[in-house]
C-alpha atoms as a PDB file:
ATOM      1  CA  MET A   1      26.058 -87.204 -35.370  1.00  0.00           C
ATOM      2  CA  MET A   2      24.006 -84.245 -36.728  1.00  0.00           C
ATOM      3  CA  ILE A   3      25.389 -80.742 -36.625  1.00  0.00           C
ATOM      4  CA  HIS A   4      22.937 -78.103 -35.326  1.00  0.00           C
ATOM      5  CA  ILE A   5      23.431 -74.552 -36.600  1.00  0.00           C
ATOM      6  CA  ASN A   6      21.801 -71.710 -34.699  1.00  0.00           C
ATOM      7  CA  LEU A   7      20.269 -69.399 -37.405  1.00  0.00           C
ATOM      8  CA  LEU A   8      18.512 -67.062 -34.974  1.00  0.00           C
ATOM      9  CA  PRO A   9      21.253 -64.411 -34.904  1.00  0.00           C
ATOM     10  CA  VAL A  10      21.277 -64.356 -38.722  1.00  0.00           C
ATOM     11  CA  ARG A  11      17.527 -63.846 -38.910  1.00  0.00           C
ATOM     12  CA  GLN A  12      17.664 -61.093 -36.338  1.00  0.00           C
ATOM     13  CA  GLU A  13      20.446 -59.354 -38.238  1.00  0.00           C
ATOM     14  CA  LYS A  14      18.407 -59.526 -41.452  1.00  0.00           C
ATOM     15  CA  LYS A  15      15.402 -58.057 -39.661  1.00  0.00           C
ATOM     16  CA  ARG A  16      17.506 -55.212 -38.370  1.00  0.00           C
ATOM     17  CA  GLU A  17      18.882 -54.618 -41.867  1.00  0.00           C
ATOM     18  CA  VAL A  18      15.375 -54.555 -43.342  1.00  0.00           C
ATOM     19  CA  GLY A  19      14.318 -52.173 -40.591  1.00  0.00           C
ATOM     20  CA  ARG A  20      17.215 -49.864 -41.310  1.00  0.00           C
ATOM     21  CA  GLN A  21      16.409 -49.909 -45.039  1.00  0.00           C
ATOM     22  CA  PHE A  22      12.752 -49.142 -44.300  1.00  0.00           C
ATOM     23  CA  LEU A  23      13.723 -46.238 -42.087  1.00  0.00           C
ATOM     24  CA  VAL A  24      16.040 -44.932 -44.786  1.00  0.00           C
ATOM     25  CA  VAL A  25      13.254 -45.158 -47.396  1.00  0.00           C
ATOM     26  CA  VAL A  26      10.699 -43.507 -45.099  1.00  0.00           C
ATOM     27  CA  GLY A  27      13.188 -40.822 -44.096  1.00  0.00           C
ATOM     28  CA  GLY A  28      14.072 -40.145 -47.720  1.00  0.00           C
ATOM     29  CA  ALA A  29      10.402 -39.915 -48.655  1.00  0.00           C
ATOM     30  CA  MET A  30       9.726 -37.520 -45.806  1.00  0.00           C
ATOM     31  CA  PHE A  31      12.752 -35.426 -46.785  1.00  0.00           C
ATOM     32  CA  ILE A  32      11.638 -35.252 -50.396  1.00  0.00           C
ATOM     33  CA  THR A  33       8.093 -34.344 -49.291  1.00  0.00           C
ATOM     34  CA  LEU A  34       9.334 -31.655 -46.953  1.00  0.00           C
ATOM     35  CA  LEU A  35      11.714 -30.325 -49.603  1.00  0.00           C
ATOM     36  CA  GLY A  36       8.906 -30.213 -52.167  1.00  0.00           C
ATOM     37  CA  ASN A  37       6.612 -28.435 -49.719  1.00  0.00           C
ATOM     38  CA  TRP A  38       9.327 -25.922 -48.902  1.00  0.00           C
ATOM     39  CA  LEU A  39      10.054 -25.251 -52.565  1.00  0.00           C
ATOM     40  CA  TRP A  40       6.314 -24.836 -53.278  1.00  0.00           C
ATOM     41  CA  TYR A  41       5.879 -22.460 -50.341  1.00  0.00           C
ATOM     42  CA  ASP A  42       9.005 -20.524 -51.300  1.00  0.00           C
ATOM     43  CA  GLY A  43       7.742 -20.165 -54.882  1.00  0.00           C
ATOM     44  CA  LEU A  44       4.315 -19.096 -53.632  1.00  0.00           C
ATOM     45  CA  ALA A  45       5.861 -16.537 -51.288  1.00  0.00           C
ATOM     46  CA  SER A  46       8.069 -15.231 -54.102  1.00  0.00           C
ATOM     47  CA  GLU A  47       5.072 -14.904 -56.437  1.00  0.00           C
ATOM     48  CA  GLU A  48       3.072 -13.184 -53.713  1.00  0.00           C
ATOM     49  CA  LYS A  49       5.943 -10.753 -53.195  1.00  0.00           C
ATOM     50  CA  LYS A  50       6.087 -10.033 -56.928  1.00  0.00           C
ATOM     51  CA  ASN A  51       2.307  -9.492 -57.004  1.00  0.00           C
ATOM     52  CA  ALA A  52       2.583  -7.106 -54.078  1.00  0.00           C
ATOM     53  CA  GLN A  53       5.314  -5.193 -55.918  1.00  0.00           C
ATOM     54  CA  ARG A  54       3.150  -5.064 -59.058  1.00  0.00           C
ATOM     55  CA  ILE A  55       0.221  -3.744 -57.007  1.00  0.00           C
ATOM     56  CA  VAL A  56       2.393  -1.028 -55.489  1.00  0.00           C
ATOM     57  CA  ALA A  57       3.747  -0.075 -58.931  1.00  0.00           C
ATOM     58  CA  THR A  58       0.220  -0.056 -60.408  1.00  0.00           C
ATOM     59  CA  GLU A  59      -1.102   2.115 -57.591  1.00  0.00           C
ATOM     60  CA  ALA A  60       1.795   4.522 -58.095  1.00  0.00           C
ATOM     61  CA  ARG A  61       1.051   4.645 -61.834  1.00  0.00           C
ATOM     62  CA  ILE A  62      -2.640   5.249 -61.146  1.00  0.00           C
ATOM     63  CA  ALA A  63      -1.775   8.090 -58.776  1.00  0.00           C
ATOM     64  CA  GLU A  64       0.504   9.578 -61.439  1.00  0.00           C
ATOM     65  CA  LEU A  65      -2.209   9.278 -64.113  1.00  0.00           C
ATOM     66  CA  GLU A  66      -4.789  10.831 -61.787  1.00  0.00           C
ATOM     67  CA  LYS A  67      -2.439  13.764 -61.320  1.00  0.00           C
ATOM     68  CA  VAL A  68      -2.047  14.102 -65.088  1.00  0.00           C
ATOM     69  CA  ILE A  69      -5.831  13.843 -65.553  1.00  0.00           C
ATOM     70  CA  GLY A  70      -6.272  16.560 -62.955  1.00  0.00           C
ATOM     71  CA  GLU A  71      -3.915  18.825 -64.889  1.00  0.00           C
ATOM     72  CA  VAL A  72      -5.757  18.045 -68.143  1.00  0.00           C
ATOM     73  CA  ASP A  73      -9.090  18.882 -66.484  1.00  0.00           C
ATOM     74  CA  LYS A  74      -7.650  22.211 -65.346  1.00  0.00           C
ATOM     75  CA  ILE A  75      -6.384  22.913 -68.868  1.00  0.00           C
ATOM     76  CA  ASN A  76      -9.778  22.011 -70.360  1.00  0.00           C
ATOM     77  CA  ALA A  77     -11.512  24.263 -67.833  1.00  0.00           C
ATOM     78  CA  ARG A  78      -9.196  27.159 -68.735  1.00  0.00           C
ATOM     79  CA  LYS A  79      -9.710  26.417 -72.441  1.00  0.00           C
ATOM     80  CA  LYS A  80     -13.491  26.486 -72.020  1.00  0.00           C
ATOM     81  CA  ASP A  81     -13.250  29.766 -70.114  1.00  0.00           C
ATOM     82  CA  VAL A  82     -11.136  31.288 -72.898  1.00  0.00           C
ATOM     83  CA  GLN A  83     -13.584  30.019 -75.542  1.00  0.00           C
ATOM     84  CA  ASN A  84     -16.499  31.588 -73.656  1.00  0.00           C
ATOM     85  CA  LYS A  85     -14.659  34.903 -73.466  1.00  0.00           C
ATOM     86  CA  LEU A  86     -13.825  34.740 -77.180  1.00  0.00           C
ATOM     87  CA  ALA A  87     -17.481  34.004 -77.970  1.00  0.00           C
ATOM     88  CA  ILE A  88     -18.536  37.063 -75.954  1.00  0.00           C
ATOM     89  CA  LEU A  89     -15.989  39.206 -77.819  1.00  0.00           C
ATOM     90  CA  ALA A  90     -17.230  37.826 -81.145  1.00  0.00           C
ATOM     91  CA  ASP A  91     -20.817  38.714 -80.205  1.00  0.00           C
ATOM     92  CA  LEU A  92     -19.734  42.233 -79.263  1.00  0.00           C
ATOM     93  CA  ARG A  93     -17.948  42.630 -82.598  1.00  0.00           C
ATOM     94  CA  LYS A  94     -21.042  41.410 -84.444  1.00  0.00           C
ATOM     95  CA  GLN A  95     -23.228  43.832 -82.512  1.00  0.00           C
ATOM     96  CA  ARG A  96     -20.956  46.668 -83.635  1.00  0.00           C
ATOM     97  CA  SER A  97     -20.428  45.570 -87.246  1.00  0.00           C
ATOM     98  CA  GLY A  98     -23.829  43.914 -87.834  1.00  0.00           C
ATOM     99  CA  PRO A  99     -25.908  47.106 -88.334  1.00  0.00           C
ATOM    100  CA  VAL A 100     -23.233  48.621 -90.582  1.00  0.00           C
ATOM    101  CA  ARG A 101     -23.105  45.533 -92.795  1.00  0.00           C
ATOM    102  CA  MET A 102     -26.898  45.257 -92.841  1.00  0.00           C
ATOM    103  CA  LEU A 103     -27.327  48.856 -94.002  1.00  0.00           C
ATOM    104  CA  ASP A 104     -24.587  48.324 -96.585  1.00  0.00           C
ATOM    105  CA  ALA A 105     -26.423  45.223 -97.829  1.00  0.00           C
ATOM    106  CA  LEU A 106     -29.691  47.177 -97.977  1.00  0.00           C
ATOM    107  CA  ALA A 107     -28.050  49.938-100.009  1.00  0.00           C
ATOM    108  CA  THR A 108     -26.601  47.315-102.362  1.00  0.00           C
ATOM    109  CA  ALA A 109     -30.000  45.652-102.839  1.00  0.00           C
ATOM    110  CA  ILE A 110     -32.008  48.831-103.628  1.00  0.00           C
ATOM    111  CA  PRO A 111     -32.567  49.239-107.397  1.00  0.00           C
ATOM    112  CA  LYS A 112     -32.095  52.629-109.033  1.00  0.00           C
ATOM    113  CA  LYS A 113     -35.839  53.222-109.389  1.00  0.00           C
ATOM    114  CA  VAL A 114     -36.732  52.428-105.770  1.00  0.00           C
ATOM    115  CA  TRP A 115     -36.697  55.024-102.963  1.00  0.00           C
ATOM    116  CA  LEU A 116     -37.229  54.439 -99.265  1.00  0.00           C
ATOM    117  CA  THR A 117     -39.215  57.010 -97.321  1.00  0.00           C
ATOM    118  CA  GLN A 118     -39.398  55.192 -93.988  1.00  0.00           C
ATOM    119  CA  PHE A 119     -37.261  52.550 -92.281  1.00  0.00           C
ATOM    120  CA  ASP A 120     -38.172  51.124 -88.859  1.00  0.00           C
ATOM    121  CA  GLU A 121     -36.320  48.323 -87.051  1.00  0.00           C
ATOM    122  CA  LYS A 122     -37.039  46.655 -83.714  1.00  0.00           C
ATOM    123  CA  SER A 123     -35.611  43.359 -82.447  1.00  0.00           C
ATOM    124  CA  ASN A 124     -34.435  42.406 -85.968  1.00  0.00           C
ATOM    125  CA  ALA A 125     -37.921  43.044 -87.413  1.00  0.00           C
ATOM    126  CA  VAL A 126     -37.758  45.610 -90.220  1.00  0.00           C
ATOM    127  CA  LYS A 127     -40.562  47.660 -91.764  1.00  0.00           C
ATOM    128  CA  MET A 128     -39.840  49.639 -94.934  1.00  0.00           C
ATOM    129  CA  ILE A 129     -42.105  52.085 -96.743  1.00  0.00           C
ATOM    130  CA  GLY A 130     -41.143  53.602-100.052  1.00  0.00           C
ATOM    131  CA  LYS A 131     -41.871  54.352-103.673  1.00  0.00           C
ATOM    132  CA  ALA A 132     -40.918  52.639-106.911  1.00  0.00           C
ATOM    133  CA  ALA A 133     -41.238  53.468-110.567  1.00  0.00           C
ATOM    134  CA  SER A 134     -43.209  50.268-111.215  1.00  0.00           C
ATOM    135  CA  HIS A 135     -44.375  46.991-109.735  1.00  0.00           C
ATOM    136  CA  GLU A 136     -41.474  45.323-111.562  1.00  0.00           C
ATOM    137  CA  ASP A 137     -39.042  47.491-109.618  1.00  0.00           C
ATOM    138  CA  VAL A 138     -40.688  46.453-106.336  1.00  0.00           C
ATOM    139  CA  ALA A 139     -40.382  42.787-107.351  1.00  0.00           C
ATOM    140  CA  GLU A 140     -36.726  43.330-108.308  1.00  0.00           C
ATOM    141  CA  PHE A 141     -36.101  44.925-104.900  1.00  0.00           C
ATOM    142  CA  MET A 142     -37.613  41.924-103.092  1.00  0.00           C
ATOM    143  CA  ARG A 143     -35.526  39.468-105.124  1.00  0.00           C
ATOM    144  CA  ALA A 144     -32.396  41.475-104.345  1.00  0.00           C
ATOM    145  CA  LEU A 145     -33.185  41.458-100.613  1.00  0.00           C
ATOM    146  CA  GLN A 146     -33.583  37.680-100.670  1.00  0.00           C
ATOM    147  CA  SER A 147     -30.371  37.093-102.628  1.00  0.00           C
ATOM    148  CA  ILE A 148     -27.935  39.411-100.820  1.00  0.00           C
ATOM    149  CA  VAL A 149     -25.601  37.270 -98.649  1.00  0.00           C
ATOM    150  CA  TRP A 150     -22.409  37.377 -96.632  1.00  0.00           C
ATOM    151  CA  THR A 151     -19.573  34.993 -97.527  1.00  0.00           C
ATOM    152  CA  PRO A 152     -16.024  34.344 -96.274  1.00  0.00           C
ATOM    153  CA  ARG A 153     -14.947  36.659 -99.123  1.00  0.00           C
ATOM    154  CA  GLY A 154     -17.387  39.433 -98.206  1.00  0.00           C
ATOM    155  CA  MET A 155     -20.781  40.506 -99.526  1.00  0.00           C
ATOM    156  CA  GLY A 156     -22.305  38.890-102.582  1.00  0.00           C
ATOM    157  CA  ARG A 157     -25.465  38.050-104.514  1.00  0.00           C
ATOM    158  CA  LEU A 158     -26.745  34.493-104.472  1.00  0.00           C
ATOM    159  CA  ILE A 159     -26.932  33.314-108.068  1.00  0.00           C
ATOM    160  CA  GLU A 160     -27.687  29.620-107.777  1.00  0.00           C
ATOM    161  CA  GLN A 161     -28.421  27.216-104.952  1.00  0.00           C
ATOM    162  CA  LYS A 162     -29.850  23.839-105.888  1.00  0.00           C
ATOM    163  CA  ARG A 163     -32.002  21.937-103.443  1.00  0.00           C
ATOM    164  CA  ASP A 164     -29.985  19.625-101.165  1.00  0.00           C
ATOM    165  CA  ALA A 165     -26.768  20.919-102.753  1.00  0.00           C
ATOM    166  CA  ALA A 166     -23.669  21.279-100.588  1.00  0.00           C
ATOM    167  CA  THR A 167     -22.510  24.466-102.331  1.00  0.00           C
ATOM    168  CA  ALA A 168     -24.031  27.697-103.613  1.00  0.00           C
ATOM    169  CA  ARG A 169     -22.859  30.010-106.395  1.00  0.00           C
ATOM    170  CA  VAL A 170     -22.362  33.644-105.398  1.00  0.00           C
ATOM    171  CA  GLU A 171     -21.414  36.772-107.345  1.00  0.00           C
ATOM    172  CA  LEU A 172     -19.160  38.844-105.112  1.00  0.00           C
ATOM    173  CA  VAL A 173     -19.997  42.538-104.747  1.00  0.00           C
ATOM    174  CA  GLY A 174     -17.229  44.955-105.631  1.00  0.00           C
ATOM    175  CA  GLY A 175     -14.081  44.456-107.617  1.00  0.00           C
ATOM    176  CA  GLU A 176     -14.640  42.576-110.850  1.00  0.00           C
ATOM    177  CA  GLY A 177     -17.761  40.810-109.595  1.00  0.00           C
ATOM    178  CA  ALA A 178     -16.117  37.395-109.427  1.00  0.00           C
ATOM    179  CA  VAL A 179     -18.392  34.351-109.222  1.00  0.00           C
ATOM    180  CA  GLU A 180     -17.411  31.648-106.734  1.00  0.00           C
ATOM    181  CA  ASP A 181     -18.887  28.525-105.161  1.00  0.00           C
ATOM    182  CA  PHE A 182     -19.116  28.411-101.356  1.00  0.00           C
ATOM    183  CA  PRO A 183     -20.337  25.729 -98.932  1.00  0.00           C
ATOM    184  CA  THR A 184     -23.931  26.497 -98.002  1.00  0.00           C
ATOM    185  CA  SER A 185     -22.885  26.479 -94.351  1.00  0.00           C
ATOM    186  CA  ALA A 186     -20.428  29.328 -95.048  1.00  0.00           C
ATOM    187  CA  ILE A 187     -22.945  31.837 -96.414  1.00  0.00           C
ATOM    188  CA  SER A 188     -25.573  33.804 -94.480  1.00  0.00           C
ATOM    189  CA  ASN A 189     -28.571  35.765 -95.713  1.00  0.00           C
ATOM    190  CA  PHE A 190     -28.829  39.349 -94.516  1.00  0.00           C
ATOM    191  CA  PHE A 191     -32.618  39.320 -94.835  1.00  0.00           C
ATOM    192  CA  SER A 192     -35.258  36.631 -94.447  1.00  0.00           C
ATOM    193  CA  ARG A 193     -39.053  36.321 -94.524  1.00  0.00           C
ATOM    194  CA  VAL A 194     -39.307  39.201 -96.996  1.00  0.00           C
ATOM    195  CA  ASP A 195     -43.028  39.965 -97.223  1.00  0.00           C
ATOM    196  CA  LEU A 196     -44.776  42.529 -99.419  1.00  0.00           C
ATOM    197  CA  LYS A 197     -47.587  44.002 -97.322  1.00  0.00           C
ATOM    198  CA  ARG A 198     -48.933  46.372 -99.970  1.00  0.00           C
ATOM    199  CA  ALA A 199     -48.093  47.861-103.367  1.00  0.00           C
ATOM    200  CA  GLU A 200     -50.389  50.553-104.744  1.00  0.00           C
ATOM    201  CA  GLN A 201     -49.915  52.542-107.911  1.00  0.00           C
ATOM    202  CA  LYS A 202     -50.831  56.170-107.353  1.00  0.00           C
ATOM    203  CA  ALA A 203     -52.194  58.518-109.982  1.00  0.00           C
ATOM    204  CA  ALA A 204     -49.557  60.935-111.126  1.00  0.00           C
ATOM    205  CA  ALA A 205     -49.935  64.638-110.539  1.00  0.00           C
ATOM    206  CA  PRO A 206     -50.314  66.811-113.651  1.00  0.00           C
ATOM    207  CA  GLY A 207     -47.006  66.689-115.431  1.00  0.00           C
ATOM    208  CA  GLY A 208     -45.685  64.130-112.935  1.00  0.00           C
ATOM    209  CA  THR A 209     -44.746  60.441-113.117  1.00  0.00           C
ATOM    210  CA  ARG A 210     -46.854  57.617-111.745  1.00  0.00           C
ATOM    211  CA  THR A 211     -45.220  55.696-108.894  1.00  0.00           C
ATOM    212  CA  VAL A 212     -45.974  52.645-106.757  1.00  0.00           C
ATOM    213  CA  ASP A 213     -46.225  53.052-102.993  1.00  0.00           C
ATOM    214  CA  PHE A 214     -45.108  49.883-101.193  1.00  0.00           C
ATOM    215  CA  GLU A 215     -44.578  48.457 -97.725  1.00  0.00           C
ATOM    216  CA  ILE A 216     -42.219  45.543 -97.077  1.00  0.00           C
ATOM    217  CA  ASN A 217     -41.687  43.674 -93.800  1.00  0.00           C
ATOM    218  CA  MET A 218     -38.737  41.350 -93.191  1.00  0.00           C
ATOM    219  CA  ASN A 219     -36.249  40.062 -90.634  1.00  0.00           C
ATOM    220  CA  SER A 220     -32.653  41.262 -90.586  1.00  0.00           C
ATOM    221  CA  ASN A 221     -29.612  39.261 -89.510  1.00  0.00           C
ATOM    222  CA  TYR A 222     -27.310  41.336 -87.302  1.00  0.00           C
ATOM    223  CA  ALA A 223     -25.196  38.323 -86.334  1.00  0.00           C
ATOM    224  CA  ILE A 224     -23.185  38.507 -89.539  1.00  0.00           C
END
């Protein structure tokens, strides 16, 4: 006699077990997916918050720098105003001292045997009429006018200035007549464009001395 065993309940139990395992696997996968998504979103939100904080801090820094720049602009404006006022004062000083220095330079440049009889000046243009003992004295006077300069150490005579040289050698007027080298940008000529308009030797009166009548035109520098 054969024994029949009913295996249906066993198969059904196995199916239920497989189903439970499948649900567990699917549930675990969904949980892991949801957890990963939450962590990603949380990290993104945290980074976005940090970026927002950085933006706020940057904007605050920009506002602070703009305030500082505004103060610097005000300081620069005041500085420029002061510089303009100082420049005006310097021009006024030059206008007062310029003619005095120019006449002093002219007196220094005149040789012993040269005499001025007329001196006219208008808008820095100078016309001089005078007498000299000889043509050589007139030439010496013109050379002296061209060489008399103003330096940081005062008035002097230009001795040597080579072409394209950065310095010039000057003999200072007064004292022991020291000779010094100055940057060419630091010296200024009192007179420029010295032009001899005429030089005529006149016959001497009986018992007198022959002289040369001359006329010199030039430009004077009052800005020294």
